[in-house]
Amino acid sequence: MDQIAAAQKALDDAKQHLHHVVREARQRGVTWAQIGESLGMSRQAAFKRFAEVTNPATGERIRRTMMSINEAQQMTERVFDLIGSGEHRQLQELIHPEAREELPAELIADTWSQLLGEVGAVESYEDTHVALPAGERLAEGDSVLGTVVGVTTLSCEAGRMMGRVALDDQQRIVGLLIVSPEQSSLPF
């Protein structure tokens, strides 16, 4: 067990060191594109993972909440659990106030009924992961800033559908899609 604890500490130390090295690189003028290329990710993914944003008017650091990929994955499945169990009031509380007009409970319930008619009840979730709005999959174990998309395969009685939940930095729902897994042009 000591080896496990030591390995976890080494991983935590490495993550902290990586954040420090990225901060130093940014101070030297290295671009997010260059950092992303070094890490095998897009500049947007690098920015969302490491950025420290300052308010140009005050010069103060803008405090934003980092969301763990694990939290976003859990929230994605929770959204579909709430839809499937008819817990529309709880679901509406998770939706950003501005998005509630576009995602009323009646629309979500009607869409879910259509899903049930096409492929039956959801039996499980598969390959739940988190991506950037443009589609780049994010690595598990990371934390990110800003809007992300939770993606899961809804494995149903007679087929599969893809569920997508756009989450803002406060883990509020700002978009919701249920589409065929083959669907390629998506708004997020």
Protein backbone atom coordinates (compact mmCIF):
# COMPACT_ATOMS: atom_id res chain seq x y z
CA MET A 1 0.00 0.00 0.00
CA ASP A 2 2.92 2.34 0.58
CA GLN A 3 3.85 2.00 -3.11
CA ILE A 4 0.33 3.02 -4.15
CA ALA A 5 0.42 6.09 -1.91
CA ALA A 6 3.90 6.97 -3.20
CA ALA A 7 2.77 6.58 -6.82
CA GLN A 8 -0.25 8.84 -6.18
CA LYS A 9 1.98 11.46 -4.57
CA ALA A 10 4.38 11.27 -7.53
CA LEU A 11 1.46 11.76 -9.93
CA ASP A 12 0.14 14.74 -7.95
CA ASP A 13 3.64 16.25 -7.83
CA ALA A 14 4.07 15.73 -11.58
CA LYS A 15 0.75 17.48 -12.31
CA GLN A 16 1.74 20.39 -10.08
CA HIS A 17 5.15 20.59 -11.80
CA LEU A 18 3.50 20.54 -15.24
CA HIS A 19 1.23 23.45 -14.25
CA HIS A 20 4.30 25.36 -13.03
CA VAL A 21 6.25 24.68 -16.25
CA VAL A 22 3.28 25.75 -18.40
CA ARG A 23 2.92 28.99 -16.38
CA GLU A 24 6.62 29.72 -16.90
CA ALA A 25 6.34 28.98 -20.62
CA ARG A 26 3.42 31.40 -20.95
CA GLN A 27 5.41 34.09 -19.12
CA ARG A 28 8.17 33.60 -21.72
CA GLY A 29 5.63 34.12 -24.53
CA VAL A 30 5.06 30.51 -25.58
CA THR A 31 1.65 30.29 -27.28
CA TRP A 32 -1.21 28.00 -26.31
CA ALA A 33 -0.83 26.35 -29.72
CA GLN A 34 2.82 25.52 -28.98
CA ILE A 35 1.97 24.21 -25.50
CA GLY A 36 -0.87 22.14 -26.91
CA GLU A 37 1.40 20.70 -29.59
CA SER A 38 3.96 19.69 -26.93
CA LEU A 39 1.23 17.96 -24.94
CA GLY A 40 -0.49 16.32 -27.91
CA MET A 41 -3.66 18.39 -27.61
CA SER A 42 -5.26 21.42 -29.22
CA ARG A 43 -4.51 24.95 -28.06
CA GLN A 44 -8.08 25.16 -26.71
CA ALA A 45 -7.60 22.00 -24.65
CA ALA A 46 -4.30 23.34 -23.29
CA PHE A 47 -5.93 26.69 -22.46
CA LYS A 48 -8.89 25.07 -20.70
CA ARG A 49 -6.58 22.87 -18.67
CA PHE A 50 -3.91 25.39 -17.63
CA ALA A 51 -5.08 28.99 -18.21
CA GLU A 52 -5.04 31.63 -15.55
CA VAL A 53 -7.11 34.50 -16.88
CA THR A 54 -6.75 38.10 -15.67
CA ASN A 55 -9.27 40.90 -15.93
CA PRO A 56 -7.68 43.53 -18.21
CA ALA A 57 -9.52 46.35 -16.42
CA THR A 58 -8.31 45.47 -12.92
CA GLY A 59 -5.32 43.23 -13.54
CA GLU A 60 -6.77 40.78 -11.04
CA ARG A 61 -6.92 37.07 -11.66
CA ILE A 62 -10.41 35.92 -12.60
CA ARG A 63 -11.38 33.13 -10.24
CA ARG A 64 -13.03 30.37 -12.18
CA THR A 65 -13.96 26.98 -10.93
CA MET A 66 -12.08 24.06 -12.38
CA MET A 67 -14.36 21.15 -13.20
CA SER A 68 -12.94 17.66 -13.07
CA ILE A 69 -13.55 15.40 -16.03
CA ASN A 70 -14.94 12.85 -13.58
CA GLU A 71 -17.53 15.36 -12.32
CA ALA A 72 -18.61 16.15 -15.87
CA GLN A 73 -18.93 12.45 -16.69
CA GLN A 74 -21.07 11.87 -13.60
CA MET A 75 -23.23 14.89 -14.38
CA THR A 76 -23.80 13.64 -17.93
CA GLU A 77 -25.14 10.30 -16.73
CA ARG A 78 -27.14 12.01 -13.97
CA VAL A 79 -28.90 14.17 -16.57
CA PHE A 80 -30.09 11.12 -18.48
CA ASP A 81 -31.04 9.35 -15.23
CA LEU A 82 -33.26 12.33 -14.34
CA ILE A 83 -34.82 12.44 -17.81
CA GLY A 84 -35.45 8.69 -17.78
CA SER A 85 -37.07 8.75 -14.34
CA GLY A 86 -39.27 11.74 -15.16
CA GLU A 87 -37.60 13.98 -12.55
CA HIS A 88 -38.19 17.10 -14.64
CA ARG A 89 -38.18 19.55 -11.72
CA GLN A 90 -34.73 18.40 -10.60
CA LEU A 91 -33.51 18.49 -14.19
CA GLN A 92 -34.81 22.03 -14.73
CA GLU A 93 -32.87 23.16 -11.64
CA LEU A 94 -29.66 21.99 -13.36
CA ILE A 95 -30.35 23.92 -16.56
CA HIS A 96 -28.90 27.43 -16.91
CA PRO A 97 -31.77 29.96 -16.57
CA GLU A 98 -31.22 31.28 -20.11
CA ALA A 99 -31.28 27.75 -21.54
CA ARG A 100 -34.53 26.80 -19.78
CA GLU A 101 -36.53 28.65 -22.43
CA GLU A 102 -34.98 26.46 -25.13
CA LEU A 103 -35.17 23.28 -23.03
CA PRO A 104 -38.59 23.25 -21.35
CA ALA A 105 -39.60 20.10 -19.48
CA GLU A 106 -42.33 19.33 -22.04
CA LEU A 107 -39.86 19.32 -24.95
CA ILE A 108 -37.44 17.08 -23.07
CA ALA A 109 -40.26 14.68 -22.08
CA ASP A 110 -41.61 14.54 -25.66
CA THR A 111 -38.13 13.89 -27.06
CA TRP A 112 -37.57 11.14 -24.50
CA SER A 113 -40.90 9.53 -25.43
CA GLN A 114 -39.81 9.48 -29.07
CA LEU A 115 -36.55 7.82 -28.02
CA LEU A 116 -38.47 5.16 -26.09
CA GLY A 117 -40.62 4.51 -29.15
CA GLU A 118 -37.57 4.11 -31.39
CA VAL A 119 -35.10 2.11 -29.31
CA GLY A 120 -36.76 1.30 -25.98
CA ALA A 121 -35.64 2.06 -22.46
CA VAL A 122 -32.04 2.89 -21.60
CA GLU A 123 -30.31 -0.11 -20.08
CA SER A 124 -26.82 1.33 -19.54
CA TYR A 125 -24.35 4.04 -20.47
CA GLU A 126 -21.22 3.28 -22.47
CA ASP A 127 -18.07 5.26 -23.19
CA THR A 128 -19.09 8.29 -21.14
CA HIS A 129 -16.44 10.91 -21.74
CA VAL A 130 -15.91 14.65 -21.93
CA ALA A 131 -15.03 16.68 -25.01
CA LEU A 132 -14.53 20.26 -26.03
CA PRO A 133 -17.47 21.80 -27.91
CA ALA A 134 -15.55 21.28 -31.18
CA GLY A 135 -15.30 17.55 -30.43
CA GLU A 136 -11.78 16.96 -29.07
CA ARG A 137 -11.94 14.30 -26.35
CA LEU A 138 -10.37 15.29 -23.02
CA ALA A 139 -8.23 12.96 -20.93
CA GLU A 140 -9.70 11.44 -17.81
CA GLY A 141 -8.25 12.67 -14.54
CA ASP A 142 -7.84 16.24 -15.75
CA SER A 143 -9.68 19.36 -14.69
CA VAL A 144 -10.76 22.08 -17.11
CA LEU A 145 -12.14 25.60 -17.24
CA GLY A 146 -15.17 26.70 -19.20
CA THR A 147 -17.80 24.91 -21.22
CA VAL A 148 -17.36 21.22 -21.97
CA VAL A 149 -19.59 18.53 -23.46
CA GLY A 150 -20.37 15.29 -21.67
CA VAL A 151 -20.94 12.51 -24.20
CA THR A 152 -22.37 9.06 -23.57
CA THR A 153 -23.77 6.20 -25.58
CA LEU A 154 -27.27 5.38 -24.38
CA SER A 155 -27.43 1.60 -24.74
CA CYS A 156 -31.14 0.86 -25.09
CA GLU A 157 -33.31 -2.24 -25.43
CA ALA A 158 -33.35 -2.15 -29.24
CA GLY A 159 -30.46 0.10 -30.25
CA ARG A 160 -28.17 2.94 -29.28
CA MET A 161 -28.38 6.69 -29.19
CA MET A 162 -25.78 9.33 -28.36
CA GLY A 163 -26.49 11.72 -25.51
CA ARG A 164 -24.62 15.03 -25.32
CA VAL A 165 -24.82 17.50 -22.45
CA ALA A 166 -23.09 20.90 -22.72
CA LEU A 167 -22.05 22.09 -19.26
CA ASP A 168 -20.84 25.55 -18.33
CA ASP A 169 -18.13 26.22 -15.74
CA GLN A 170 -20.75 26.09 -12.98
CA GLN A 171 -21.87 22.61 -14.12
CA ARG A 172 -25.16 24.00 -15.40
CA ILE A 173 -26.70 22.51 -18.52
CA VAL A 174 -26.45 24.90 -21.46
CA GLY A 175 -27.26 22.38 -24.19
CA LEU A 176 -28.78 18.92 -24.54
CA LEU A 177 -28.85 16.57 -27.53
CA ILE A 178 -30.05 13.04 -28.13
CA VAL A 179 -29.03 11.90 -31.61
CA SER A 180 -28.10 8.85 -33.62
CA PRO A 181 -24.49 7.76 -32.97
CA GLU A 182 -23.82 8.19 -36.69
CA GLN A 183 -24.82 11.86 -36.62
CA SER A 184 -21.80 13.87 -37.68
CA SER A 185 -22.77 17.55 -37.88
CA LEU A 186 -23.54 18.60 -34.33
CA PRO A 187 -24.00 22.09 -32.85
CA PHE A 188 -21.79 21.09 -29.91
